[in-house]
PDB file of N, CA and C in Angstrom:
ATOM      1  N   MET A   1       0.844  -1.181   0.000  1.00  0.00           N
ATOM      2  CA  MET A   1       0.000   0.000   0.000  1.00  0.00           C
ATOM      3  C   MET A   1       0.888   1.242   0.000  1.00  0.00           C
ATOM      4  N   ALA A   2       0.613   2.168  -0.873  1.00  0.00           N
ATOM      5  CA  ALA A   2       1.366   3.421  -0.954  1.00  0.00           C
ATOM      6  C   ALA A   2       0.734   4.473  -0.052  1.00  0.00           C
ATOM      7  N   VAL A   3       1.593   5.267   0.558  1.00  0.00           N
ATOM      8  CA  VAL A   3       1.136   6.393   1.364  1.00  0.00           C
ATOM      9  C   VAL A   3       1.466   7.657   0.585  1.00  0.00           C
ATOM     10  N   LEU A   4       0.454   8.492   0.358  1.00  0.00           N
ATOM     11  CA  LEU A   4       0.636   9.714  -0.413  1.00  0.00           C
ATOM     12  C   LEU A   4       0.432  10.926   0.486  1.00  0.00           C
ATOM     13  N   LYS A   5       1.154  11.986   0.165  1.00  0.00           N
ATOM     14  CA  LYS A   5       1.030  13.238   0.905  1.00  0.00           C
ATOM     15  C   LYS A   5       0.774  14.354  -0.094  1.00  0.00           C
ATOM     16  N   VAL A   6       0.036  15.384   0.338  1.00  0.00           N
ATOM     17  CA  VAL A   6      -0.276  16.526  -0.525  1.00  0.00           C
ATOM     18  C   VAL A   6       0.253  17.791   0.136  1.00  0.00           C
ATOM     19  N   ILE A   7       0.967  18.591  -0.664  1.00  0.00           N
ATOM     20  CA  ILE A   7       1.424  19.897  -0.199  1.00  0.00           C
ATOM     21  C   ILE A   7       0.875  20.967  -1.124  1.00  0.00           C
ATOM     22  N   GLU A   8       0.752  22.159  -0.614  1.00  0.00           N
ATOM     23  CA  GLU A   8       0.237  23.276  -1.411  1.00  0.00           C
ATOM     24  C   GLU A   8       1.394  24.221  -1.724  1.00  0.00           C
ATOM     25  N   ILE A   9       1.497  24.617  -2.989  1.00  0.00           N
ATOM     26  CA  ILE A   9       2.593  25.467  -3.466  1.00  0.00           C
ATOM     27  C   ILE A   9       1.999  26.655  -4.215  1.00  0.00           C
ATOM     28  N   LEU A  10       2.574  27.817  -4.021  1.00  0.00           N
ATOM     29  CA  LEU A  10       2.229  29.005  -4.792  1.00  0.00           C
ATOM     30  C   LEU A  10       3.406  29.315  -5.707  1.00  0.00           C
ATOM     31  N   ALA A  11       3.121  29.597  -6.979  1.00  0.00           N
ATOM     32  CA  ALA A  11       4.188  29.901  -7.932  1.00  0.00           C
ATOM     33  C   ALA A  11       3.704  30.940  -8.928  1.00  0.00           C
ATOM     34  N   ASN A  12       4.658  31.578  -9.611  1.00  0.00           N
ATOM     35  CA  ASN A  12       4.278  32.565 -10.626  1.00  0.00           C
ATOM     36  C   ASN A  12       5.181  32.490 -11.833  1.00  0.00           C
ATOM     37  N   SER A  13       4.771  33.192 -12.878  1.00  0.00           N
ATOM     38  CA  SER A  13       5.517  33.261 -14.129  1.00  0.00           C
ATOM     39  C   SER A  13       5.118  34.525 -14.867  1.00  0.00           C
ATOM     40  N   LYS A  14       6.021  35.054 -15.640  1.00  0.00           N
ATOM     41  CA  LYS A  14       5.703  36.192 -16.494  1.00  0.00           C
ATOM     42  C   LYS A  14       5.086  35.733 -17.818  1.00  0.00           C
ATOM     43  N   GLU A  15       5.140  34.407 -18.087  1.00  0.00           N
ATOM     44  CA  GLU A  15       4.717  33.874 -19.387  1.00  0.00           C
ATOM     45  C   GLU A  15       3.277  33.356 -19.427  1.00  0.00           C
ATOM     46  N   SER A  16       2.932  32.434 -18.496  1.00  0.00           N
ATOM     47  CA  SER A  16       1.615  31.785 -18.561  1.00  0.00           C
ATOM     48  C   SER A  16       1.338  31.010 -17.277  1.00  0.00           C
ATOM     49  N   TRP A  17       0.074  30.568 -17.121  1.00  0.00           N
ATOM     50  CA  TRP A  17      -0.276  29.721 -15.994  1.00  0.00           C
ATOM     51  C   TRP A  17       0.414  28.369 -16.117  1.00  0.00           C
ATOM     52  N   GLU A  18       0.546  27.876 -17.345  1.00  0.00           N
ATOM     53  CA  GLU A  18       1.223  26.598 -17.547  1.00  0.00           C
ATOM     54  C   GLU A  18       2.679  26.678 -17.099  1.00  0.00           C
ATOM     55  N   ASP A  19       3.338  27.772 -17.425  1.00  0.00           N
ATOM     56  CA  ASP A  19       4.727  27.971 -17.024  1.00  0.00           C
ATOM     57  C   ASP A  19       4.829  28.107 -15.504  1.00  0.00           C
ATOM     58  N   ALA A  20       3.884  28.773 -14.892  1.00  0.00           N
ATOM     59  CA  ALA A  20       3.864  28.895 -13.437  1.00  0.00           C
ATOM     60  C   ALA A  20       3.711  27.518 -12.791  1.00  0.00           C
ATOM     61  N   THR A  21       2.879  26.662 -13.375  1.00  0.00           N
ATOM     62  CA  THR A  21       2.698  25.304 -12.869  1.00  0.00           C
ATOM     63  C   THR A  21       3.995  24.515 -13.002  1.00  0.00           C
ATOM     64  N   ARG A  22       4.665  24.641 -14.135  1.00  0.00           N
ATOM     65  CA  ARG A  22       5.963  23.977 -14.322  1.00  0.00           C
ATOM     66  C   ARG A  22       6.968  24.461 -13.278  1.00  0.00           C
ATOM     67  N   ASN A  23       6.960  25.759 -13.007  1.00  0.00           N
ATOM     68  CA  ASN A  23       7.868  26.320 -12.006  1.00  0.00           C
ATOM     69  C   ASN A  23       7.596  25.727 -10.621  1.00  0.00           C
ATOM     70  N   ALA A  24       6.334  25.557 -10.283  1.00  0.00           N
ATOM     71  CA  ALA A  24       5.972  24.980  -8.985  1.00  0.00           C
ATOM     72  C   ALA A  24       6.508  23.563  -8.853  1.00  0.00           C
ATOM     73  N   VAL A  25       6.309  22.753  -9.889  1.00  0.00           N
ATOM     74  CA  VAL A  25       6.777  21.365  -9.857  1.00  0.00           C
ATOM     75  C   VAL A  25       8.302  21.313  -9.833  1.00  0.00           C
ATOM     76  N   LYS A  26       8.936  22.159 -10.629  1.00  0.00           N
ATOM     77  CA  LYS A  26      10.404  22.180 -10.689  1.00  0.00           C
ATOM     78  C   LYS A  26      10.999  22.540  -9.334  1.00  0.00           C
ATOM     79  N   GLU A  27      10.462  23.559  -8.685  1.00  0.00           N
ATOM     80  CA  GLU A  27      10.981  23.976  -7.382  1.00  0.00           C
ATOM     81  C   GLU A  27      10.679  22.936  -6.307  1.00  0.00           C
ATOM     82  N   ALA A  28       9.473  22.380  -6.314  1.00  0.00           N
ATOM     83  CA  ALA A  28       9.111  21.365  -5.318  1.00  0.00           C
ATOM     84  C   ALA A  28       9.996  20.130  -5.457  1.00  0.00           C
ATOM     85  N   SER A  29      10.335  19.764  -6.687  1.00  0.00           N
ATOM     86  CA  SER A  29      11.133  18.552  -6.914  1.00  0.00           C
ATOM     87  C   SER A  29      12.562  18.674  -6.394  1.00  0.00           C
ATOM     88  N   LYS A  30      12.990  19.871  -6.049  1.00  0.00           N
ATOM     89  CA  LYS A  30      14.327  20.047  -5.464  1.00  0.00           C
ATOM     90  C   LYS A  30      14.404  19.441  -4.064  1.00  0.00           C
ATOM     91  N   SER A  31      13.275  19.406  -3.350  1.00  0.00           N
ATOM     92  CA  SER A  31      13.283  18.865  -1.996  1.00  0.00           C
ATOM     93  C   SER A  31      12.290  17.727  -1.787  1.00  0.00           C
ATOM     94  N   VAL A  32      11.376  17.538  -2.728  1.00  0.00           N
ATOM     95  CA  VAL A  32      10.362  16.483  -2.613  1.00  0.00           C
ATOM     96  C   VAL A  32      10.595  15.473  -3.724  1.00  0.00           C
ATOM     97  N   LYS A  33      10.682  14.210  -3.350  1.00  0.00           N
ATOM     98  CA  LYS A  33      10.871  13.140  -4.336  1.00  0.00           C
ATOM     99  C   LYS A  33       9.561  12.387  -4.545  1.00  0.00           C
ATOM    100  N   ASN A  34       9.498  11.622  -5.609  1.00  0.00           N
ATOM    101  CA  ASN A  34       8.341  10.770  -5.928  1.00  0.00           C
ATOM    102  C   ASN A  34       7.051  11.554  -6.166  1.00  0.00           C
ATOM    103  N   ILE A  35       7.159  12.706  -6.840  1.00  0.00           N
ATOM    104  CA  ILE A  35       5.957  13.477  -7.180  1.00  0.00           C
ATOM    105  C   ILE A  35       5.117  12.674  -8.167  1.00  0.00           C
ATOM    106  N   ARG A  36       3.836  12.557  -7.869  1.00  0.00           N
ATOM    107  CA  ARG A  36       2.933  11.756  -8.700  1.00  0.00           C
ATOM    108  C   ARG A  36       1.967  12.602  -9.528  1.00  0.00           C
ATOM    109  N   SER A  37       1.516  13.744  -8.976  1.00  0.00           N
ATOM    110  CA  SER A  37       0.558  14.553  -9.726  1.00  0.00           C
ATOM    111  C   SER A  37       0.553  15.980  -9.205  1.00  0.00           C
ATOM    112  N   VAL A  38      -0.017  16.854 -10.031  1.00  0.00           N
ATOM    113  CA  VAL A  38      -0.201  18.249  -9.631  1.00  0.00           C
ATOM    114  C   VAL A  38      -1.631  18.648 -10.002  1.00  0.00           C
ATOM    115  N   TYR A  39      -2.298  19.302  -9.075  1.00  0.00           N
ATOM    116  CA  TYR A  39      -3.667  19.772  -9.280  1.00  0.00           C
ATOM    117  C   TYR A  39      -3.655  21.295  -9.170  1.00  0.00           C
ATOM    118  N   VAL A  40      -4.097  21.967 -10.227  1.00  0.00           N
ATOM    119  CA  VAL A  40      -4.159  23.429 -10.196  1.00  0.00           C
ATOM    120  C   VAL A  40      -5.433  23.819  -9.464  1.00  0.00           C
ATOM    121  N   ASN A  41      -5.240  24.374  -8.281  1.00  0.00           N
ATOM    122  CA  ASN A  41      -6.349  24.716  -7.408  1.00  0.00           C
ATOM    123  C   ASN A  41      -6.922  26.093  -7.737  1.00  0.00           C
ATOM    124  N   GLU A  42      -6.061  27.030  -8.087  1.00  0.00           N
ATOM    125  CA  GLU A  42      -6.483  28.412  -8.292  1.00  0.00           C
ATOM    126  C   GLU A  42      -5.526  29.110  -9.253  1.00  0.00           C
ATOM    127  N   GLN A  43      -6.054  30.019 -10.055  1.00  0.00           N
ATOM    128  CA  GLN A  43      -5.246  30.825 -10.975  1.00  0.00           C
ATOM    129  C   GLN A  43      -5.578  32.295 -10.753  1.00  0.00           C
ATOM    130  N   SER A  44      -4.561  33.145 -10.862  1.00  0.00           N
ATOM    131  CA  SER A  44      -4.793  34.584 -10.763  1.00  0.00           C
ATOM    132  C   SER A  44      -3.709  35.309 -11.548  1.00  0.00           C
ATOM    133  N   CYS A  45      -3.897  36.610 -11.725  1.00  0.00           N
ATOM    134  CA  CYS A  45      -2.937  37.432 -12.466  1.00  0.00           C
ATOM    135  C   CYS A  45      -2.653  38.716 -11.703  1.00  0.00           C
ATOM    136  N   VAL A  46      -1.487  39.263 -11.969  1.00  0.00           N
ATOM    137  CA  VAL A  46      -1.149  40.604 -11.505  1.00  0.00           C
ATOM    138  C   VAL A  46      -1.272  41.513 -12.716  1.00  0.00           C
ATOM    139  N   VAL A  47      -2.003  42.603 -12.566  1.00  0.00           N
ATOM    140  CA  VAL A  47      -2.257  43.512 -13.682  1.00  0.00           C
ATOM    141  C   VAL A  47      -1.654  44.876 -13.369  1.00  0.00           C
ATOM    142  N   ASP A  48      -0.994  45.448 -14.359  1.00  0.00           N
ATOM    143  CA  ASP A  48      -0.450  46.803 -14.253  1.00  0.00           C
ATOM    144  C   ASP A  48      -1.038  47.608 -15.410  1.00  0.00           C
ATOM    145  N   GLY A  49      -1.975  48.474 -15.107  1.00  0.00           N
ATOM    146  CA  GLY A  49      -2.664  49.218 -16.163  1.00  0.00           C
ATOM    147  C   GLY A  49      -3.538  48.274 -16.957  1.00  0.00           C
ATOM    148  N   ALA A  50      -3.235  48.139 -18.240  1.00  0.00           N
ATOM    149  CA  ALA A  50      -3.993  47.234 -19.111  1.00  0.00           C
ATOM    150  C   ALA A  50      -3.206  45.971 -19.437  1.00  0.00           C
ATOM    151  N   ASN A  51      -2.097  45.743 -18.732  1.00  0.00           N
ATOM    152  CA  ASN A  51      -1.223  44.614 -19.051  1.00  0.00           C
ATOM    153  C   ASN A  51      -1.131  43.614 -17.897  1.00  0.00           C
ATOM    154  N   ILE A  52      -1.156  42.342 -18.253  1.00  0.00           N
ATOM    155  CA  ILE A  52      -0.906  41.288 -17.273  1.00  0.00           C
ATOM    156  C   ILE A  52       0.601  41.171 -17.118  1.00  0.00           C
ATOM    157  N   THR A  53       1.077  41.300 -15.876  1.00  0.00           N
ATOM    158  CA  THR A  53       2.523  41.247 -15.639  1.00  0.00           C
ATOM    159  C   THR A  53       2.986  39.906 -15.084  1.00  0.00           C
ATOM    160  N   HIS A  54       2.125  39.217 -14.334  1.00  0.00           N
ATOM    161  CA  HIS A  54       2.479  37.914 -13.784  1.00  0.00           C
ATOM    162  C   HIS A  54       1.249  37.009 -13.729  1.00  0.00           C
ATOM    163  N   PHE A  55       1.485  35.740 -14.010  1.00  0.00           N
ATOM    164  CA  PHE A  55       0.470  34.702 -13.870  1.00  0.00           C
ATOM    165  C   PHE A  55       0.800  33.927 -12.601  1.00  0.00           C
ATOM    166  N   ARG A  56      -0.205  33.690 -11.755  1.00  0.00           N
ATOM    167  CA  ARG A  56       0.016  32.988 -10.495  1.00  0.00           C
ATOM    168  C   ARG A  56      -0.861  31.746 -10.413  1.00  0.00           C
ATOM    169  N   VAL A  57      -0.311  30.704  -9.803  1.00  0.00           N
ATOM    170  CA  VAL A  57      -1.084  29.487  -9.563  1.00  0.00           C
ATOM    171  C   VAL A  57      -0.908  29.039  -8.120  1.00  0.00           C
ATOM    172  N   ASN A  58      -1.953  28.456  -7.611  1.00  0.00           N
ATOM    173  CA  ASN A  58      -1.932  27.775  -6.323  1.00  0.00           C
ATOM    174  C   ASN A  58      -2.167  26.319  -6.682  1.00  0.00           C
ATOM    175  N   VAL A  59      -1.167  25.459  -6.445  1.00  0.00           N
ATOM    176  CA  VAL A  59      -1.280  24.061  -6.853  1.00  0.00           C
ATOM    177  C   VAL A  59      -1.149  23.143  -5.651  1.00  0.00           C
ATOM    178  N   LYS A  60      -1.712  21.946  -5.810  1.00  0.00           N
ATOM    179  CA  LYS A  60      -1.540  20.892  -4.822  1.00  0.00           C
ATOM    180  C   LYS A  60      -0.713  19.800  -5.483  1.00  0.00           C
ATOM    181  N   ILE A  61       0.409  19.488  -4.861  1.00  0.00           N
ATOM    182  CA  ILE A  61       1.322  18.484  -5.402  1.00  0.00           C
ATOM    183  C   ILE A  61       1.231  17.234  -4.536  1.00  0.00           C
ATOM    184  N   THR A  62       0.994  16.106  -5.187  1.00  0.00           N
ATOM    185  CA  THR A  62       0.874  14.821  -4.501  1.00  0.00           C
ATOM    186  C   THR A  62       2.143  14.023  -4.731  1.00  0.00           C
ATOM    187  N   PHE A  63       2.678  13.458  -3.641  1.00  0.00           N
ATOM    188  CA  PHE A  63       3.874  12.626  -3.764  1.00  0.00           C
ATOM    189  C   PHE A  63       3.783  11.419  -2.840  1.00  0.00           C
ATOM    190  N   GLU A  64       4.530  10.390  -3.205  1.00  0.00           N
ATOM    191  CA  GLU A  64       4.528   9.153  -2.423  1.00  0.00           C
ATOM    192  C   GLU A  64       5.565   9.258  -1.310  1.00  0.00           C
ATOM    193  N   VAL A  65       5.145   8.882  -0.114  1.00  0.00           N
ATOM    194  CA  VAL A  65       6.037   8.877   1.038  1.00  0.00           C
ATOM    195  C   VAL A  65       6.689   7.501   1.124  1.00  0.00           C
ATOM    196  N   SER A  66       8.000   7.477   1.219  1.00  0.00           N
ATOM    197  CA  SER A  66       8.730   6.189   1.283  1.00  0.00           C
ATOM    198  C   SER A  66       8.760   5.638   2.687  1.00  0.00           C
TER     199      SER A  66
END
């Protein structure tokens, strides 16, 4: 039987929500091993005038505990 744990990560990107999600997984994988899935819980943007400057995601990352 596998034991799984879920952590919540906030990440951002100047490019897209997809890139922000990749950034979250990349940073989490530096200290968390056996990542199994990522769930995008929330998306938001930072706006300056009429321009979007940053894309933000709140993700839940699931990993197997050894």
